[in-house]
Amino acid sequence: MSMRAASLTGTSFGVTLVDQIHLATLLYTLVGVGCTSYILYKWVDPEERASVRRTNTVVALSTTAVFLIANAVSIGFAVT
């Protein structure tokens, strides 16, 4: 049952694949916004810039990998 159908009937029996992908995308976006906020806050201090760049790279690569793996797993379970 999709989010639209759940809102019309008032009941929901589970989360669909589309719902899972949308939730994963929302979480991925929220982590990106949080990391960007942290980076902009720390970027003011010139001594912190090297660690901020490292943090940005690590967060970007790890969250992208988790996002892709989570979607692949969700799609895999939906196909089987």
N, C-alpha and C. Protein backbone atom coordinates (compact mmCIF):
# COMPACT_ATOMS: atom_id res chain seq x y z
N MET A 1 0.85 -1.16 0.00
CA MET A 1 0.00 0.00 0.00
C MET A 1 0.90 1.23 0.00
N SER A 2 0.60 2.14 -0.88
CA SER A 2 1.42 3.36 -0.98
C SER A 2 1.02 4.36 0.09
N MET A 3 1.80 5.43 0.21
CA MET A 3 1.49 6.47 1.19
C MET A 3 0.15 7.13 0.89
N ARG A 4 -0.15 7.31 -0.40
CA ARG A 4 -1.42 7.94 -0.77
C ARG A 4 -2.59 7.05 -0.38
N ALA A 5 -2.50 5.77 -0.67
CA ALA A 5 -3.58 4.85 -0.32
C ALA A 5 -3.73 4.74 1.19
N ALA A 6 -2.62 4.78 1.92
CA ALA A 6 -2.70 4.70 3.37
C ALA A 6 -3.38 5.93 3.94
N SER A 7 -3.13 7.08 3.34
CA SER A 7 -3.75 8.29 3.86
C SER A 7 -5.23 8.32 3.53
N LEU A 8 -5.64 7.70 2.46
CA LEU A 8 -7.06 7.67 2.09
C LEU A 8 -7.86 6.71 2.97
N THR A 9 -7.26 5.57 3.27
CA THR A 9 -7.99 4.56 4.04
C THR A 9 -7.74 4.66 5.53
N GLY A 10 -6.65 5.28 5.92
CA GLY A 10 -6.33 5.40 7.34
C GLY A 10 -5.62 4.18 7.89
N THR A 11 -5.34 3.19 7.06
CA THR A 11 -4.64 2.00 7.51
C THR A 11 -3.42 1.77 6.63
N SER A 12 -2.46 1.09 7.19
CA SER A 12 -1.25 0.77 6.44
C SER A 12 -0.77 -0.60 6.88
N PHE A 13 -0.43 -1.43 5.91
CA PHE A 13 0.00 -2.79 6.23
C PHE A 13 1.51 -2.96 6.10
N GLY A 14 2.20 -1.94 5.70
CA GLY A 14 3.65 -2.05 5.55
C GLY A 14 4.19 -0.92 4.73
N VAL A 15 5.47 -0.96 4.55
CA VAL A 15 6.16 0.07 3.79
C VAL A 15 6.50 -0.51 2.43
N THR A 16 6.11 0.19 1.37
CA THR A 16 6.40 -0.30 0.03
C THR A 16 7.84 0.04 -0.35
N LEU A 17 8.26 -0.51 -1.47
CA LEU A 17 9.61 -0.24 -1.98
C LEU A 17 9.79 1.24 -2.26
N VAL A 18 8.78 1.87 -2.85
CA VAL A 18 8.86 3.30 -3.15
C VAL A 18 8.98 4.09 -1.85
N ASP A 19 8.22 3.69 -0.83
CA ASP A 19 8.31 4.36 0.47
C ASP A 19 9.72 4.21 1.07
N GLN A 20 10.30 3.02 0.97
CA GLN A 20 11.64 2.78 1.50
C GLN A 20 12.67 3.64 0.79
N ILE A 21 12.56 3.74 -0.53
CA ILE A 21 13.50 4.55 -1.30
C ILE A 21 13.35 6.03 -0.94
N HIS A 22 12.11 6.48 -0.78
CA HIS A 22 11.89 7.88 -0.40
C HIS A 22 12.43 8.16 1.01
N LEU A 23 12.23 7.26 1.93
CA LEU A 23 12.74 7.45 3.29
C LEU A 23 14.27 7.44 3.31
N ALA A 24 14.88 6.55 2.54
CA ALA A 24 16.34 6.51 2.47
C ALA A 24 16.89 7.80 1.86
N THR A 25 16.21 8.31 0.85
CA THR A 25 16.63 9.57 0.23
C THR A 25 16.49 10.73 1.20
N LEU A 26 15.41 10.74 1.97
CA LEU A 26 15.22 11.78 2.97
C LEU A 26 16.32 11.74 4.02
N LEU A 27 16.63 10.56 4.51
CA LEU A 27 17.69 10.42 5.51
C LEU A 27 19.04 10.83 4.94
N TYR A 28 19.31 10.43 3.71
CA TYR A 28 20.56 10.79 3.02
C TYR A 28 20.68 12.31 2.91
N THR A 29 19.59 12.96 2.55
CA THR A 29 19.57 14.42 2.42
C THR A 29 19.78 15.09 3.77
N LEU A 30 19.13 14.59 4.81
CA LEU A 30 19.29 15.17 6.14
C LEU A 30 20.72 15.05 6.66
N VAL A 31 21.35 13.93 6.40
CA VAL A 31 22.76 13.76 6.80
C VAL A 31 23.63 14.75 6.03
N GLY A 32 23.34 14.93 4.74
CA GLY A 32 24.09 15.89 3.94
C GLY A 32 23.94 17.32 4.44
N VAL A 33 22.74 17.69 4.80
CA VAL A 33 22.50 19.04 5.34
C VAL A 33 23.21 19.21 6.68
N GLY A 34 23.14 18.20 7.52
CA GLY A 34 23.83 18.26 8.81
C GLY A 34 25.33 18.38 8.65
N CYS A 35 25.89 17.60 7.75
CA CYS A 35 27.34 17.66 7.51
C CYS A 35 27.74 19.01 6.93
N THR A 36 26.94 19.53 6.02
CA THR A 36 27.23 20.83 5.44
C THR A 36 27.18 21.93 6.50
N SER A 37 26.21 21.85 7.38
CA SER A 37 26.12 22.83 8.47
C SER A 37 27.35 22.77 9.36
N TYR A 38 27.78 21.56 9.70
CA TYR A 38 28.98 21.38 10.51
C TYR A 38 30.21 21.95 9.80
N ILE A 39 30.34 21.67 8.53
CA ILE A 39 31.49 22.13 7.76
C ILE A 39 31.52 23.66 7.69
N LEU A 40 30.38 24.26 7.44
CA LEU A 40 30.34 25.73 7.38
C LEU A 40 30.65 26.35 8.74
N TYR A 41 30.23 25.70 9.81
CA TYR A 41 30.51 26.19 11.16
C TYR A 41 32.00 26.11 11.47
N LYS A 42 32.65 25.01 11.09
CA LYS A 42 34.06 24.80 11.40
C LYS A 42 35.01 25.47 10.40
N TRP A 43 34.52 25.82 9.21
CA TRP A 43 35.37 26.36 8.15
C TRP A 43 35.95 27.72 8.53
N VAL A 44 35.35 28.42 9.47
CA VAL A 44 35.82 29.75 9.87
C VAL A 44 37.23 29.69 10.44
N ASP A 45 37.54 28.63 11.16
CA ASP A 45 38.86 28.48 11.78
C ASP A 45 39.84 27.87 10.76
N PRO A 46 40.87 28.62 10.34
CA PRO A 46 41.81 28.11 9.33
C PRO A 46 42.54 26.84 9.77
N GLU A 47 42.73 26.66 11.06
CA GLU A 47 43.43 25.46 11.54
C GLU A 47 42.57 24.21 11.43
N GLU A 48 41.27 24.38 11.33
CA GLU A 48 40.35 23.24 11.26
C GLU A 48 40.07 22.80 9.82
N ARG A 49 40.50 23.57 8.85
CA ARG A 49 40.10 23.30 7.47
C ARG A 49 40.54 21.94 6.94
N ALA A 50 41.72 21.49 7.31
CA ALA A 50 42.19 20.18 6.84
C ALA A 50 41.32 19.06 7.39
N SER A 51 41.00 19.13 8.68
CA SER A 51 40.15 18.09 9.26
C SER A 51 38.72 18.18 8.74
N VAL A 52 38.28 19.38 8.42
CA VAL A 52 36.93 19.55 7.88
C VAL A 52 36.83 18.94 6.49
N ARG A 53 37.85 19.14 5.68
CA ARG A 53 37.87 18.52 4.34
C ARG A 53 37.85 17.00 4.44
N ARG A 54 38.65 16.48 5.38
CA ARG A 54 38.70 15.03 5.59
C ARG A 54 37.34 14.51 6.04
N THR A 55 36.72 15.22 6.99
CA THR A 55 35.40 14.83 7.48
C THR A 55 34.39 14.86 6.35
N ASN A 56 34.43 15.89 5.53
CA ASN A 56 33.50 16.00 4.41
C ASN A 56 33.65 14.82 3.45
N THR A 57 34.87 14.46 3.13
CA THR A 57 35.11 13.35 2.22
C THR A 57 34.64 12.03 2.81
N VAL A 58 34.97 11.80 4.06
CA VAL A 58 34.57 10.54 4.72
C VAL A 58 33.05 10.43 4.80
N VAL A 59 32.40 11.49 5.21
CA VAL A 59 30.93 11.45 5.33
C VAL A 59 30.30 11.29 3.96
N ALA A 60 30.79 12.00 2.97
CA ALA A 60 30.21 11.90 1.63
C ALA A 60 30.33 10.49 1.06
N LEU A 61 31.52 9.92 1.18
CA LEU A 61 31.72 8.57 0.62
C LEU A 61 30.96 7.50 1.41
N SER A 62 30.99 7.60 2.72
CA SER A 62 30.33 6.56 3.52
C SER A 62 28.81 6.64 3.41
N THR A 63 28.24 7.84 3.43
CA THR A 63 26.77 7.92 3.32
C THR A 63 26.30 7.54 1.92
N THR A 64 27.07 7.87 0.91
CA THR A 64 26.70 7.46 -0.45
C THR A 64 26.74 5.94 -0.57
N ALA A 65 27.76 5.32 -0.02
CA ALA A 65 27.86 3.86 -0.07
C ALA A 65 26.70 3.22 0.69
N VAL A 66 26.40 3.71 1.87
CA VAL A 66 25.28 3.16 2.66
C VAL A 66 23.96 3.36 1.93
N PHE A 67 23.78 4.53 1.32
CA PHE A 67 22.56 4.82 0.57
C PHE A 67 22.38 3.84 -0.59
N LEU A 68 23.44 3.63 -1.35
CA LEU A 68 23.35 2.72 -2.49
C LEU A 68 23.13 1.28 -2.05
N ILE A 69 23.82 0.86 -1.00
CA ILE A 69 23.66 -0.51 -0.50
C ILE A 69 22.25 -0.72 0.05
N ALA A 70 21.74 0.25 0.81
CA ALA A 70 20.40 0.13 1.38
C ALA A 70 19.34 0.03 0.28
N ASN A 71 19.48 0.84 -0.77
CA ASN A 71 18.53 0.76 -1.87
C ASN A 71 18.66 -0.55 -2.64
N ALA A 72 19.88 -1.03 -2.82
CA ALA A 72 20.08 -2.30 -3.50
C ALA A 72 19.46 -3.45 -2.71
N VAL A 73 19.62 -3.42 -1.39
CA VAL A 73 19.02 -4.45 -0.55
C VAL A 73 17.50 -4.38 -0.60
N SER A 74 16.95 -3.18 -0.53
CA SER A 74 15.50 -3.00 -0.61
C SER A 74 14.95 -3.52 -1.93
N ILE A 75 15.62 -3.19 -3.00
CA ILE A 75 15.18 -3.67 -4.32
C ILE A 75 15.34 -5.17 -4.43
N GLY A 76 16.43 -5.70 -3.88
CA GLY A 76 16.63 -7.14 -3.88
C GLY A 76 15.54 -7.89 -3.15
N PHE A 77 15.12 -7.39 -1.99
CA PHE A 77 14.03 -8.03 -1.25
C PHE A 77 12.71 -7.88 -1.97
N ALA A 78 12.51 -6.78 -2.70
CA ALA A 78 11.26 -6.58 -3.42
C ALA A 78 11.16 -7.51 -4.63
N VAL A 79 12.29 -7.81 -5.24
CA VAL A 79 12.30 -8.66 -6.42
C VAL A 79 12.06 -10.12 -6.05
N THR A 80 12.60 -10.54 -4.93
CA THR A 80 12.47 -11.96 -4.53
C THR A 80 11.18 -12.24 -3.81
